[in-house]
């Protein structure tokens, strides 16, 4: 029989990589540090390569260790799923899902989805982590997260997705701005304007960048906001213009009087929000069901400018 690492050895490898310390990893795995260290040393001996750099201030994976981590996480995820499926009464969504959400999506599109999940899948546990899309994708790919709600485009070809909804993007400008009286605004009218944006790693940053390229507007990168609320406040005091997704508008603009929203007459502004997961995940059927529930929940919520997309 070929050599196969044990699931314990893989758990120890992942724990050391996550905690950066042998002692902390041992405590997380409920074993003694000598036991954990000995098993990792045995794993390295049998594989013929060093996986953990023990000479640094913190225990860090070597390049070989980094290469094996996604595979180790995948094996552990599959074993967890084997146990879950064996004990499940049906093929539902029960159990734990580690869900990533983009900051421009989670607070505004997720509430009706969570409400529907609580009603339809009461035994589902959700661990929710909010990150920029540029951080969500590797977390899903490497198994740190199971799936993620995030805007397109996806950069990692190892992820697959289902579209949940299509969302309008509006141009926000100060109520006293020279263009505020127009019902729609042509792209050319934005020449010379300052566009405010969230920081790099957000898809809205890329959309603002694209709009600046075609309109002649300037990216106000010295004034990047940390949230859509911060951007809205900067627009309200005349620091520039920006883009706002429809779900955010529906949630936060009811009492907003200092910022007006307009559509561009000759530049369609839309984005698609998807549920993405790792290719080959043993829980693909669960994520597909989650996508269906999310679309149904958003259909019932009736958010202006947000259109659920059928498969």
Protein backbone atom coordinates (compact mmCIF):
# COMPACT_ATOMS: atom_id res chain seq x y z
CA UNK A 1 0.00 0.00 0.00
CA UNK A 2 1.28 3.52 -0.77
CA UNK A 3 1.96 5.79 2.19
CA UNK A 4 -1.02 7.92 3.19
CA UNK A 5 -0.86 10.67 5.82
CA UNK A 6 -3.33 10.29 8.65
CA UNK A 7 -6.12 12.80 9.14
CA UNK A 8 -4.49 13.77 12.44
CA UNK A 9 -1.24 14.66 10.71
CA UNK A 10 -3.15 16.80 8.23
CA UNK A 11 -5.05 18.49 11.08
CA UNK A 12 -1.77 19.28 12.81
CA UNK A 13 -0.27 20.72 9.61
CA UNK A 14 -3.28 22.98 9.06
CA UNK A 15 -3.36 24.03 12.72
CA UNK A 16 0.31 25.05 12.77
CA UNK A 17 -0.16 27.03 9.53
CA UNK A 18 -3.26 28.76 10.95
CA UNK A 19 -1.81 29.56 14.38
CA UNK A 20 1.86 30.13 13.49
CA UNK A 21 2.90 28.46 16.73
CA UNK A 22 3.31 24.82 17.77
CA UNK A 23 1.96 25.38 21.28
CA UNK A 24 -1.15 27.21 20.10
CA UNK A 25 -1.75 24.58 17.42
CA UNK A 26 -1.43 21.77 19.98
CA UNK A 27 -3.95 23.46 22.28
CA UNK A 28 -6.38 23.93 19.37
CA UNK A 29 -6.07 20.20 18.54
CA UNK A 30 -6.31 19.11 22.20
CA UNK A 31 -2.98 17.27 22.15
CA UNK A 32 0.39 17.83 23.77
CA UNK A 33 2.97 19.85 21.87
CA UNK A 34 5.47 16.93 21.74
CA UNK A 35 2.77 14.70 20.21
CA UNK A 36 1.91 17.26 17.56
CA UNK A 37 5.57 17.97 16.79
CA UNK A 38 6.44 14.28 16.53
CA UNK A 39 3.57 13.55 14.17
CA UNK A 40 4.51 16.45 11.91
CA UNK A 41 8.12 15.29 11.89
CA UNK A 42 6.96 11.79 10.93
CA UNK A 43 4.82 13.26 8.14
CA UNK A 44 7.81 15.19 6.81
CA UNK A 45 10.05 12.12 6.99
CA UNK A 46 7.58 9.95 5.10
CA UNK A 47 6.96 12.63 2.44
CA UNK A 48 10.67 13.42 2.15
CA UNK A 49 10.27 17.20 2.48
CA UNK A 50 10.20 19.85 5.19
CA UNK A 51 6.72 21.35 5.60
CA UNK A 52 7.19 23.77 8.53
CA UNK A 53 10.02 26.28 8.98
CA UNK A 54 10.96 25.93 12.64
CA UNK A 55 13.77 28.47 12.61
CA UNK A 56 11.70 31.64 12.35
CA UNK A 57 10.11 33.54 15.22
CA UNK A 58 6.82 31.91 14.28
CA UNK A 59 6.19 28.50 12.75
CA UNK A 60 5.46 29.09 9.07
CA UNK A 61 4.86 26.67 6.19
CA UNK A 62 7.72 26.19 3.75
CA UNK A 63 6.91 26.46 0.03
CA UNK A 64 6.25 22.71 0.05
CA UNK A 65 3.96 23.14 3.06
CA UNK A 66 2.09 25.97 1.35
CA UNK A 67 1.56 23.77 -1.70
CA UNK A 68 0.10 20.96 0.43
CA UNK A 69 -2.18 23.12 2.61
CA UNK A 70 -5.10 23.42 0.13
CA UNK A 71 -5.01 19.65 -0.39
CA UNK A 72 -4.90 18.99 3.36
CA UNK A 73 -7.87 21.32 3.92
CA UNK A 74 -9.76 19.62 1.12
CA UNK A 75 -9.17 16.15 2.57
CA UNK A 76 -10.34 17.28 6.02
CA UNK A 77 -13.38 18.98 4.52
CA UNK A 78 -14.27 15.78 2.67
CA UNK A 79 -13.94 13.72 5.86
CA UNK A 80 -16.16 16.19 7.73
CA UNK A 81 -18.70 15.96 4.94
CA UNK A 82 -18.59 12.15 5.01
CA UNK A 83 -19.55 12.23 8.70
CA UNK A 84 -22.22 14.86 8.14
CA UNK A 85 -23.83 12.99 5.24
CA UNK A 86 -23.77 9.70 7.17
CA UNK A 87 -25.72 11.27 10.03
CA UNK A 88 -28.05 13.47 8.01
CA UNK A 89 -31.71 12.57 7.73
CA UNK A 90 -31.88 14.14 4.27
CA UNK A 91 -29.71 15.97 1.75
CA UNK A 92 -30.46 19.37 3.27
CA UNK A 93 -28.21 22.19 4.34
CA UNK A 94 -27.92 21.19 8.01
CA UNK A 95 -24.58 21.62 9.71
CA UNK A 96 -22.02 24.40 9.46
CA UNK A 97 -21.33 26.56 6.41
CA UNK A 98 -18.44 29.03 6.56
CA UNK A 99 -19.78 31.83 4.39
CA UNK A 100 -17.74 34.74 3.08
CA UNK A 101 -19.44 38.00 2.06
CA UNK A 102 -18.14 41.10 0.33
CA UNK A 103 -18.67 44.28 2.41
CA UNK A 104 -20.76 45.89 -0.34
CA UNK A 105 -23.02 42.81 -0.46
CA UNK A 106 -23.42 41.31 3.01
CA UNK A 107 -25.13 44.04 5.04
CA UNK A 108 -27.62 44.90 2.28
CA UNK A 109 -28.48 41.68 0.41
CA UNK A 110 -27.87 39.10 3.13
CA UNK A 111 -30.61 39.97 5.73
CA UNK A 112 -33.57 38.58 3.73
CA UNK A 113 -31.48 35.53 2.80
CA UNK A 114 -30.61 34.84 6.45
CA UNK A 115 -34.24 35.25 7.46
CA UNK A 116 -35.31 32.70 4.84
CA UNK A 117 -32.58 30.28 5.91
CA UNK A 118 -33.67 30.46 9.55
CA UNK A 119 -37.21 29.58 8.51
CA UNK A 120 -36.38 26.88 5.94
CA UNK A 121 -33.23 25.31 7.42
CA UNK A 122 -33.40 25.75 11.21
CA UNK A 123 -30.53 23.34 11.86
CA UNK A 124 -28.11 25.27 9.63
CA UNK A 125 -25.18 26.97 11.35
CA UNK A 126 -23.57 29.89 9.54
CA UNK A 127 -20.14 31.33 10.27
CA UNK A 128 -20.01 34.62 8.35
CA UNK A 129 -16.77 36.42 7.49
CA UNK A 130 -16.71 39.76 5.69
CA UNK A 131 -13.73 40.42 3.40
CA UNK A 132 -12.91 42.20 0.17
CA UNK A 133 -13.47 40.02 -2.92
CA UNK A 134 -9.72 39.89 -3.52
CA UNK A 135 -9.39 38.15 -0.11
CA UNK A 136 -12.54 36.03 -0.34
CA UNK A 137 -11.47 34.13 -3.44
CA UNK A 138 -8.25 32.59 -2.05
CA UNK A 139 -10.04 31.83 1.24
CA UNK A 140 -12.68 29.80 -0.62
CA UNK A 141 -10.10 28.21 -2.93
CA UNK A 142 -7.90 27.09 -0.02
CA UNK A 143 -10.79 25.80 2.12
CA UNK A 144 -10.73 28.46 4.85
CA UNK A 145 -14.27 29.35 3.71
CA UNK A 146 -16.83 27.04 2.12
CA UNK A 147 -18.45 29.57 -0.21
CA UNK A 148 -18.91 33.31 -0.67
CA UNK A 149 -21.40 35.91 -1.84
CA UNK A 150 -19.38 38.27 -4.01
CA UNK A 151 -19.73 40.44 -7.14
CA UNK A 152 -18.39 39.28 -10.47
CA UNK A 153 -15.86 38.99 -11.98
CA UNK A 154 -14.15 36.07 -10.27
CA UNK A 155 -10.38 36.03 -10.83
CA UNK A 156 -9.69 32.47 -9.69
CA UNK A 157 -10.46 29.83 -12.31
CA UNK A 158 -10.66 27.16 -9.60
CA UNK A 159 -13.94 28.62 -8.34
CA UNK A 160 -17.37 27.97 -9.81
CA UNK A 161 -20.48 30.02 -9.16
CA UNK A 162 -24.19 30.55 -9.56
CA UNK A 163 -25.59 34.02 -10.19
CA UNK A 164 -27.91 35.20 -7.43
CA UNK A 165 -29.02 38.61 -8.65
CA UNK A 166 -28.31 41.51 -10.96
CA UNK A 167 -28.03 44.88 -9.28
CA UNK A 168 -28.16 48.41 -10.66
CA UNK A 169 -25.34 50.80 -9.85
CA UNK A 170 -26.24 54.47 -9.42
CA UNK A 171 -24.12 57.59 -9.70
CA UNK A 172 -24.27 59.58 -6.48
CA UNK A 173 -23.54 63.32 -6.50
CA UNK A 174 -24.04 66.23 -4.09
CA UNK A 175 -27.56 67.67 -4.20
CA UNK A 176 -26.12 71.10 -5.08
CA UNK A 177 -23.90 69.78 -7.89
CA UNK A 178 -24.23 71.34 -11.35
CA UNK A 179 -25.44 68.01 -12.79
CA UNK A 180 -27.97 67.22 -10.05
CA UNK A 181 -30.92 68.71 -11.95
CA UNK A 182 -30.53 66.31 -14.90
CA UNK A 183 -32.72 63.20 -14.97
CA UNK A 184 -29.92 61.21 -16.63
CA UNK A 185 -26.28 62.13 -17.10
CA UNK A 186 -24.14 61.42 -20.17
CA UNK A 187 -20.72 59.94 -19.53
CA UNK A 188 -18.98 62.88 -21.24
CA UNK A 189 -20.43 65.25 -18.62
CA UNK A 190 -18.21 63.63 -15.97
CA UNK A 191 -14.98 64.86 -17.56
CA UNK A 192 -12.81 66.56 -14.95
CA UNK A 193 -14.96 65.42 -12.00
CA UNK A 194 -13.38 63.66 -9.01
CA UNK A 195 -14.66 60.12 -8.42
CA UNK A 196 -14.45 58.74 -4.90
CA UNK A 197 -14.14 55.02 -4.34
CA UNK A 198 -13.59 52.21 -1.91
CA UNK A 199 -10.04 50.87 -1.71
CA UNK A 200 -8.37 48.40 -4.03
CA UNK A 201 -9.69 44.87 -3.83
CA UNK A 202 -13.33 45.93 -4.10
CA UNK A 203 -15.14 45.36 -7.42
CA UNK A 204 -16.66 48.86 -7.09
CA UNK A 205 -13.14 50.25 -7.20
CA UNK A 206 -12.72 48.58 -10.60
CA UNK A 207 -16.06 49.93 -11.83
CA UNK A 208 -15.15 53.47 -10.80
CA UNK A 209 -11.78 53.01 -12.50
CA UNK A 210 -13.49 51.88 -15.73
CA UNK A 211 -15.90 54.81 -15.64
CA UNK A 212 -13.04 57.26 -15.16
CA UNK A 213 -11.24 55.77 -18.16
CA UNK A 214 -14.16 56.38 -20.53
CA UNK A 215 -15.37 59.70 -19.10
CA UNK A 216 -12.20 61.62 -18.31
CA UNK A 217 -13.09 61.83 -14.61
CA UNK A 218 -10.25 61.57 -12.10
CA UNK A 219 -9.89 58.83 -9.49
CA UNK A 220 -9.68 60.46 -6.06
CA UNK A 221 -7.40 57.76 -4.66
CA UNK A 222 -6.19 60.06 -1.88
CA UNK A 223 -9.74 59.94 -0.56
CA UNK A 224 -10.55 56.23 -0.67
CA UNK A 225 -13.35 55.32 1.71
CA UNK A 226 -13.39 52.38 4.08
CA UNK A 227 -17.14 51.81 3.65
CA UNK A 228 -20.05 52.88 1.47
CA UNK A 229 -21.28 55.01 4.39
CA UNK A 230 -17.98 56.88 4.48
CA UNK A 231 -18.11 57.43 0.71
CA UNK A 232 -21.70 58.70 0.94
CA UNK A 233 -20.73 61.20 3.63
CA UNK A 234 -17.82 62.49 1.52
CA UNK A 235 -20.12 62.91 -1.47
CA UNK A 236 -22.64 64.77 0.70
CA UNK A 237 -20.09 67.47 1.59
CA UNK A 238 -18.97 67.95 -2.01
CA UNK A 239 -15.68 66.04 -2.05
CA UNK A 240 -16.60 64.19 -5.25
CA UNK A 241 -18.97 61.74 -6.93
CA UNK A 242 -19.21 57.99 -6.48
CA UNK A 243 -21.11 54.79 -7.34
CA UNK A 244 -23.64 53.09 -5.08
CA UNK A 245 -25.24 49.63 -5.53
CA UNK A 246 -29.03 49.40 -5.50
CA UNK A 247 -29.29 47.24 -2.35
CA UNK A 248 -27.22 49.77 -0.42
CA UNK A 249 -29.42 52.55 -1.75
CA UNK A 250 -32.58 50.72 -0.67
CA UNK A 251 -31.11 50.20 2.81
CA UNK A 252 -29.44 53.53 3.54
CA UNK A 253 -30.83 56.32 1.33
CA UNK A 254 -34.39 56.66 2.69
CA UNK A 255 -33.52 59.81 4.68
CA UNK A 256 -30.58 61.00 2.58
CA UNK A 257 -31.16 64.56 1.32
CA UNK A 258 -27.64 65.74 0.55
CA UNK A 259 -26.84 63.10 -2.09
CA UNK A 260 -28.91 62.52 -5.24
CA UNK A 261 -28.78 59.41 -7.40
CA UNK A 262 -28.76 59.37 -11.17
CA UNK A 263 -28.32 56.84 -13.97
CA UNK A 264 -25.92 57.39 -16.84
CA UNK A 265 -27.73 57.73 -20.16
CA UNK A 266 -25.05 56.01 -22.27
CA UNK A 267 -23.12 53.75 -19.89
CA UNK A 268 -25.10 50.85 -18.36
CA UNK A 269 -24.04 50.27 -14.76
CA UNK A 270 -24.91 46.84 -13.43
CA UNK A 271 -23.20 44.18 -11.39
CA UNK A 272 -23.94 40.51 -10.82
CA UNK A 273 -23.68 39.01 -7.35
CA UNK A 274 -22.88 35.31 -7.20
CA UNK A 275 -22.45 32.48 -4.75
CA UNK A 276 -19.00 30.99 -5.43
CA UNK A 277 -17.38 27.80 -4.17
CA UNK A 278 -14.35 25.63 -4.88
CA UNK A 279 -14.43 23.33 -7.89
CA UNK A 280 -14.82 19.75 -6.72
CA UNK A 281 -16.26 20.64 -3.33
CA UNK A 282 -18.18 17.68 -1.87
CA UNK A 283 -20.89 20.12 -0.80
CA UNK A 284 -21.72 21.40 -4.27
CA UNK A 285 -25.36 20.26 -4.03
CA UNK A 286 -25.70 22.16 -0.75
CA UNK A 287 -24.34 25.36 -2.27
CA UNK A 288 -26.64 25.02 -5.25
CA UNK A 289 -29.58 24.72 -2.87
CA UNK A 290 -28.30 27.75 -0.94
CA UNK A 291 -28.20 29.70 -4.21
CA UNK A 292 -31.82 28.77 -4.96
CA UNK A 293 -32.91 29.84 -1.47
CA UNK A 294 -31.03 33.14 -1.82
CA UNK A 295 -32.71 33.94 -5.15
CA UNK A 296 -36.13 33.09 -3.74
CA UNK A 297 -35.54 35.24 -0.66
CA UNK A 298 -34.48 38.24 -2.74
CA UNK A 299 -37.52 37.81 -4.99
CA UNK A 300 -39.75 38.07 -1.94
CA UNK A 301 -37.82 41.05 -0.55
CA UNK A 302 -38.54 43.14 -3.69
CA UNK A 303 -35.54 45.49 -3.49
CA UNK A 304 -35.73 48.23 -6.12
CA UNK A 305 -32.93 47.87 -8.63
CA UNK A 306 -32.16 44.29 -7.55
CA UNK A 307 -33.35 41.54 -9.91
CA UNK A 308 -32.89 37.87 -8.92
CA UNK A 309 -31.44 35.86 -11.81
CA UNK A 310 -32.85 32.43 -12.66
CA UNK A 311 -30.43 29.64 -13.54
